[in-house]
């Protein structure tokens, strides 16, 4: 098993898996590590022109973890890249991707 770890903060989109990747993610954990604030979170696919949301604006409560697996992570990796974006500059989320 391969595990990739990302610490995300702020409201800039972060690339998790690009369209040149040859690995298939099996699970993504998104842990809100902020002490008090919820993290509004987007997880989406893009082909460079179009954006397709797996989820948009989902609030992950402070100190909580959201797990994404199964069919939500089954997409054409030759065509799409997977991104995560937080809604507020003060948000902080740890992302663990398992392959």
N, C-alpha and C. Protein backbone atom coordinates (compact mmCIF):
# COMPACT_ATOMS: atom_id res chain seq x y z
N UNK A 1 0.85 -1.18 0.00
CA UNK A 1 0.00 0.00 0.00
C UNK A 1 0.89 1.24 0.00
N UNK A 2 0.54 2.20 -0.81
CA UNK A 2 1.22 3.50 -0.87
C UNK A 2 0.33 4.52 -0.18
N UNK A 3 0.94 5.37 0.62
CA UNK A 3 0.20 6.43 1.30
C UNK A 3 0.85 7.77 0.97
N UNK A 4 0.03 8.71 0.50
CA UNK A 4 0.48 10.08 0.23
C UNK A 4 -0.18 10.99 1.24
N UNK A 5 0.61 11.90 1.83
CA UNK A 5 0.10 12.81 2.85
C UNK A 5 0.25 14.25 2.38
N UNK A 6 -0.81 15.04 2.58
CA UNK A 6 -0.79 16.47 2.25
C UNK A 6 -1.36 17.25 3.43
N UNK A 7 -0.71 18.36 3.78
CA UNK A 7 -1.26 19.30 4.75
C UNK A 7 -1.75 20.50 3.95
N UNK A 8 -3.05 20.78 4.00
CA UNK A 8 -3.64 21.82 3.19
C UNK A 8 -4.17 22.93 4.08
N UNK A 9 -3.86 24.15 3.71
CA UNK A 9 -4.43 25.30 4.41
C UNK A 9 -4.69 26.40 3.39
N UNK A 10 -5.58 27.30 3.76
CA UNK A 10 -5.93 28.37 2.84
C UNK A 10 -6.98 27.93 1.85
N UNK A 11 -7.26 28.79 0.89
CA UNK A 11 -8.36 28.52 -0.04
C UNK A 11 -7.89 28.30 -1.48
N UNK A 12 -6.64 27.91 -1.65
CA UNK A 12 -6.12 27.62 -2.99
C UNK A 12 -6.32 26.13 -3.29
N UNK A 13 -6.77 25.82 -4.49
CA UNK A 13 -6.97 24.42 -4.89
C UNK A 13 -5.64 23.68 -4.88
N UNK A 14 -5.68 22.43 -4.40
CA UNK A 14 -4.48 21.61 -4.30
C UNK A 14 -4.68 20.34 -5.13
N UNK A 15 -3.73 20.07 -6.01
CA UNK A 15 -3.77 18.87 -6.84
C UNK A 15 -3.44 17.64 -5.99
N UNK A 16 -4.35 16.66 -5.99
CA UNK A 16 -4.10 15.40 -5.29
C UNK A 16 -3.58 14.33 -6.24
N UNK A 17 -4.22 14.21 -7.41
CA UNK A 17 -3.84 13.20 -8.39
C UNK A 17 -3.93 13.84 -9.77
N UNK A 18 -2.82 13.84 -10.52
CA UNK A 18 -2.89 14.46 -11.84
C UNK A 18 -3.22 13.43 -12.91
N UNK A 19 -3.53 13.93 -14.09
CA UNK A 19 -4.00 13.08 -15.18
C UNK A 19 -2.90 12.20 -15.76
N UNK A 20 -1.66 12.37 -15.32
CA UNK A 20 -0.58 11.50 -15.79
C UNK A 20 -0.27 10.38 -14.79
N UNK A 21 -1.01 10.36 -13.68
CA UNK A 21 -0.78 9.36 -12.64
C UNK A 21 -1.15 7.96 -13.12
N UNK A 22 -0.38 6.99 -12.68
CA UNK A 22 -0.66 5.60 -13.06
C UNK A 22 -1.21 4.80 -11.88
N UNK A 23 -1.40 5.44 -10.74
CA UNK A 23 -1.91 4.74 -9.56
C UNK A 23 -3.39 5.06 -9.35
N UNK A 24 -4.09 4.12 -8.75
CA UNK A 24 -5.51 4.28 -8.49
C UNK A 24 -5.75 4.45 -6.99
N UNK A 25 -6.29 5.58 -6.57
CA UNK A 25 -6.56 5.75 -5.14
C UNK A 25 -7.71 4.84 -4.71
N UNK A 26 -7.58 4.31 -3.49
CA UNK A 26 -8.65 3.47 -2.96
C UNK A 26 -9.40 4.18 -1.84
N UNK A 27 -8.74 5.18 -1.22
CA UNK A 27 -9.38 5.89 -0.12
C UNK A 27 -8.69 7.23 0.09
N UNK A 28 -9.50 8.25 0.43
CA UNK A 28 -8.97 9.57 0.79
C UNK A 28 -9.60 9.96 2.12
N UNK A 29 -8.76 10.28 3.09
CA UNK A 29 -9.20 10.77 4.40
C UNK A 29 -8.94 12.27 4.45
N UNK A 30 -9.94 13.04 4.83
CA UNK A 30 -9.81 14.49 4.98
C UNK A 30 -10.09 14.82 6.44
N UNK A 31 -9.04 15.20 7.18
CA UNK A 31 -9.18 15.47 8.62
C UNK A 31 -9.06 16.96 8.87
N UNK A 32 -10.10 17.55 9.44
CA UNK A 32 -10.07 18.97 9.80
C UNK A 32 -9.29 19.08 11.11
N UNK A 33 -8.09 19.65 11.05
CA UNK A 33 -7.24 19.74 12.23
C UNK A 33 -7.32 21.11 12.90
N UNK A 34 -8.22 21.97 12.42
CA UNK A 34 -8.41 23.27 13.06
C UNK A 34 -9.07 23.06 14.41
N UNK A 35 -8.69 23.86 15.40
CA UNK A 35 -9.18 23.68 16.77
C UNK A 35 -10.66 23.99 16.93
N UNK A 36 -11.18 24.98 16.17
CA UNK A 36 -12.55 25.41 16.43
C UNK A 36 -13.44 25.55 15.20
N UNK A 37 -12.88 25.78 14.01
CA UNK A 37 -13.69 26.11 12.84
C UNK A 37 -13.95 24.91 11.93
N UNK A 38 -15.17 24.85 11.39
CA UNK A 38 -15.49 23.88 10.34
C UNK A 38 -14.70 24.23 9.08
N UNK A 39 -14.47 23.22 8.24
CA UNK A 39 -13.78 23.43 6.97
C UNK A 39 -14.74 23.12 5.83
N UNK A 40 -15.17 24.15 5.11
CA UNK A 40 -15.97 23.94 3.90
C UNK A 40 -15.03 23.39 2.84
N UNK A 41 -15.36 22.22 2.29
CA UNK A 41 -14.42 21.49 1.45
C UNK A 41 -15.06 21.09 0.13
N UNK A 42 -14.29 21.26 -0.96
CA UNK A 42 -14.68 20.79 -2.29
C UNK A 42 -13.71 19.70 -2.71
N UNK A 43 -14.21 18.64 -3.32
CA UNK A 43 -13.39 17.61 -3.94
C UNK A 43 -13.93 17.46 -5.35
N UNK A 44 -13.06 17.63 -6.35
CA UNK A 44 -13.58 17.65 -7.72
C UNK A 44 -12.57 17.14 -8.73
N UNK A 45 -13.12 16.77 -9.90
CA UNK A 45 -12.33 16.35 -11.05
C UNK A 45 -12.35 17.48 -12.07
N UNK A 46 -11.24 17.59 -12.81
CA UNK A 46 -11.22 18.56 -13.91
C UNK A 46 -10.42 17.99 -15.07
N UNK A 47 -10.86 18.33 -16.28
CA UNK A 47 -10.11 17.95 -17.48
C UNK A 47 -9.35 19.15 -18.03
N UNK A 48 -9.25 20.21 -17.24
CA UNK A 48 -8.59 21.43 -17.67
C UNK A 48 -9.57 22.47 -18.18
N UNK A 49 -10.72 22.04 -18.62
CA UNK A 49 -11.75 22.93 -19.13
C UNK A 49 -13.01 22.86 -18.26
N UNK A 50 -13.43 21.66 -17.95
CA UNK A 50 -14.66 21.44 -17.19
C UNK A 50 -14.34 20.91 -15.79
N UNK A 51 -15.20 21.27 -14.84
CA UNK A 51 -15.05 20.82 -13.45
C UNK A 51 -16.28 20.00 -13.08
N UNK A 52 -16.03 18.86 -12.42
CA UNK A 52 -17.09 17.95 -11.98
C UNK A 52 -16.88 17.67 -10.50
N UNK A 53 -17.82 18.09 -9.68
CA UNK A 53 -17.67 17.97 -8.23
C UNK A 53 -18.08 16.59 -7.73
N UNK A 54 -17.22 15.99 -6.93
CA UNK A 54 -17.58 14.80 -6.16
C UNK A 54 -18.41 15.28 -4.98
N UNK A 55 -17.94 16.34 -4.33
CA UNK A 55 -18.76 17.09 -3.38
C UNK A 55 -18.29 18.53 -3.34
N UNK A 56 -19.21 19.44 -3.00
CA UNK A 56 -18.93 20.88 -3.00
C UNK A 56 -19.48 21.50 -1.73
N UNK A 57 -18.62 22.23 -1.03
CA UNK A 57 -19.04 22.97 0.14
C UNK A 57 -19.43 22.11 1.33
N UNK A 58 -18.91 20.89 1.40
CA UNK A 58 -19.23 20.02 2.53
C UNK A 58 -18.46 20.50 3.75
N UNK A 59 -19.17 20.73 4.85
CA UNK A 59 -18.53 21.18 6.09
C UNK A 59 -18.02 19.99 6.88
N UNK A 60 -16.71 19.98 7.10
CA UNK A 60 -16.10 18.98 7.97
C UNK A 60 -15.90 19.67 9.31
N UNK A 61 -16.60 19.23 10.35
CA UNK A 61 -16.48 19.89 11.66
C UNK A 61 -15.06 19.83 12.21
N UNK A 62 -14.71 20.81 13.03
CA UNK A 62 -13.38 20.85 13.67
C UNK A 62 -13.14 19.54 14.39
N UNK A 63 -11.96 18.97 14.19
CA UNK A 63 -11.60 17.73 14.87
C UNK A 63 -12.22 16.48 14.28
N UNK A 64 -12.85 16.58 13.11
CA UNK A 64 -13.52 15.43 12.49
C UNK A 64 -12.82 15.02 11.19
N UNK A 65 -13.10 13.80 10.77
CA UNK A 65 -12.53 13.26 9.54
C UNK A 65 -13.63 12.78 8.62
N UNK A 66 -13.47 13.05 7.33
CA UNK A 66 -14.38 12.54 6.30
C UNK A 66 -13.60 11.53 5.46
N UNK A 67 -14.20 10.38 5.18
CA UNK A 67 -13.55 9.34 4.39
C UNK A 67 -14.29 9.20 3.06
N UNK A 68 -13.52 9.20 1.97
CA UNK A 68 -14.07 9.04 0.62
C UNK A 68 -13.45 7.78 0.04
N UNK A 69 -14.31 6.86 -0.44
CA UNK A 69 -13.79 5.64 -1.07
C UNK A 69 -14.81 5.09 -2.04
N UNK A 70 -14.50 3.97 -2.63
CA UNK A 70 -15.44 3.32 -3.54
C UNK A 70 -15.56 4.00 -4.89
N UNK A 71 -16.77 4.02 -5.41
CA UNK A 71 -17.01 4.52 -6.76
C UNK A 71 -16.67 6.00 -6.92
N UNK A 72 -16.69 6.78 -5.84
CA UNK A 72 -16.35 8.20 -5.93
C UNK A 72 -14.92 8.40 -6.44
N UNK A 73 -14.06 7.40 -6.25
CA UNK A 73 -12.66 7.52 -6.66
C UNK A 73 -12.36 6.76 -7.95
N UNK A 74 -13.39 6.27 -8.61
CA UNK A 74 -13.23 5.53 -9.85
C UNK A 74 -13.46 6.48 -11.02
N UNK A 75 -12.36 7.00 -11.58
CA UNK A 75 -12.47 7.93 -12.71
C UNK A 75 -11.32 7.69 -13.67
N UNK A 76 -11.45 8.19 -14.88
CA UNK A 76 -10.45 8.02 -15.93
C UNK A 76 -9.25 8.91 -15.63
N UNK A 77 -8.17 8.30 -15.15
CA UNK A 77 -6.98 9.07 -14.79
C UNK A 77 -6.21 9.59 -15.98
N UNK A 78 -6.50 9.14 -17.16
CA UNK A 78 -5.86 9.69 -18.35
C UNK A 78 -6.51 11.00 -18.78
N UNK A 79 -7.72 11.25 -18.30
CA UNK A 79 -8.46 12.44 -18.71
C UNK A 79 -8.62 13.47 -17.60
N UNK A 80 -8.73 13.03 -16.34
CA UNK A 80 -9.07 13.93 -15.25
C UNK A 80 -7.99 14.00 -14.18
N UNK A 81 -7.93 15.15 -13.52
CA UNK A 81 -7.10 15.35 -12.34
C UNK A 81 -8.04 15.57 -11.16
N UNK A 82 -7.59 15.17 -9.97
CA UNK A 82 -8.40 15.30 -8.76
C UNK A 82 -7.83 16.40 -7.87
N UNK A 83 -8.71 17.32 -7.46
CA UNK A 83 -8.31 18.46 -6.63
C UNK A 83 -9.15 18.52 -5.36
N UNK A 84 -8.57 19.13 -4.33
CA UNK A 84 -9.30 19.50 -3.12
C UNK A 84 -9.12 20.99 -2.91
N UNK A 85 -10.17 21.66 -2.43
CA UNK A 85 -10.12 23.09 -2.18
C UNK A 85 -10.90 23.40 -0.92
N UNK A 86 -10.33 24.24 -0.08
CA UNK A 86 -11.00 24.66 1.15
C UNK A 86 -11.63 26.02 0.94
N UNK A 87 -12.72 26.29 1.66
CA UNK A 87 -13.49 27.49 1.44
C UNK A 87 -12.98 28.73 2.13
N UNK A 88 -12.11 28.58 3.14
CA UNK A 88 -11.66 29.75 3.90
C UNK A 88 -10.15 29.73 4.07
N UNK A 89 -9.57 30.92 4.12
CA UNK A 89 -8.13 31.05 4.25
C UNK A 89 -7.58 30.48 5.54
N UNK A 90 -8.39 30.44 6.60
CA UNK A 90 -7.92 29.94 7.89
C UNK A 90 -8.14 28.45 8.10
N UNK A 91 -8.70 27.77 7.11
CA UNK A 91 -8.96 26.33 7.25
C UNK A 91 -7.67 25.53 7.14
N UNK A 92 -7.64 24.39 7.84
CA UNK A 92 -6.49 23.50 7.78
C UNK A 92 -7.00 22.06 7.79
N UNK A 93 -6.62 21.30 6.75
CA UNK A 93 -7.06 19.93 6.60
C UNK A 93 -5.86 19.06 6.24
N UNK A 94 -5.74 17.92 6.90
CA UNK A 94 -4.76 16.91 6.51
C UNK A 94 -5.44 15.92 5.58
N UNK A 95 -4.77 15.59 4.47
CA UNK A 95 -5.32 14.67 3.50
C UNK A 95 -4.39 13.46 3.40
N UNK A 96 -4.96 12.29 3.57
CA UNK A 96 -4.20 11.05 3.40
C UNK A 96 -4.86 10.27 2.26
N UNK A 97 -4.07 10.00 1.22
CA UNK A 97 -4.56 9.25 0.07
C UNK A 97 -3.90 7.89 0.07
N UNK A 98 -4.70 6.86 0.02
CA UNK A 98 -4.20 5.48 -0.02
C UNK A 98 -4.38 4.91 -1.42
N UNK A 99 -3.34 4.24 -1.89
CA UNK A 99 -3.35 3.61 -3.22
C UNK A 99 -3.21 2.11 -3.08
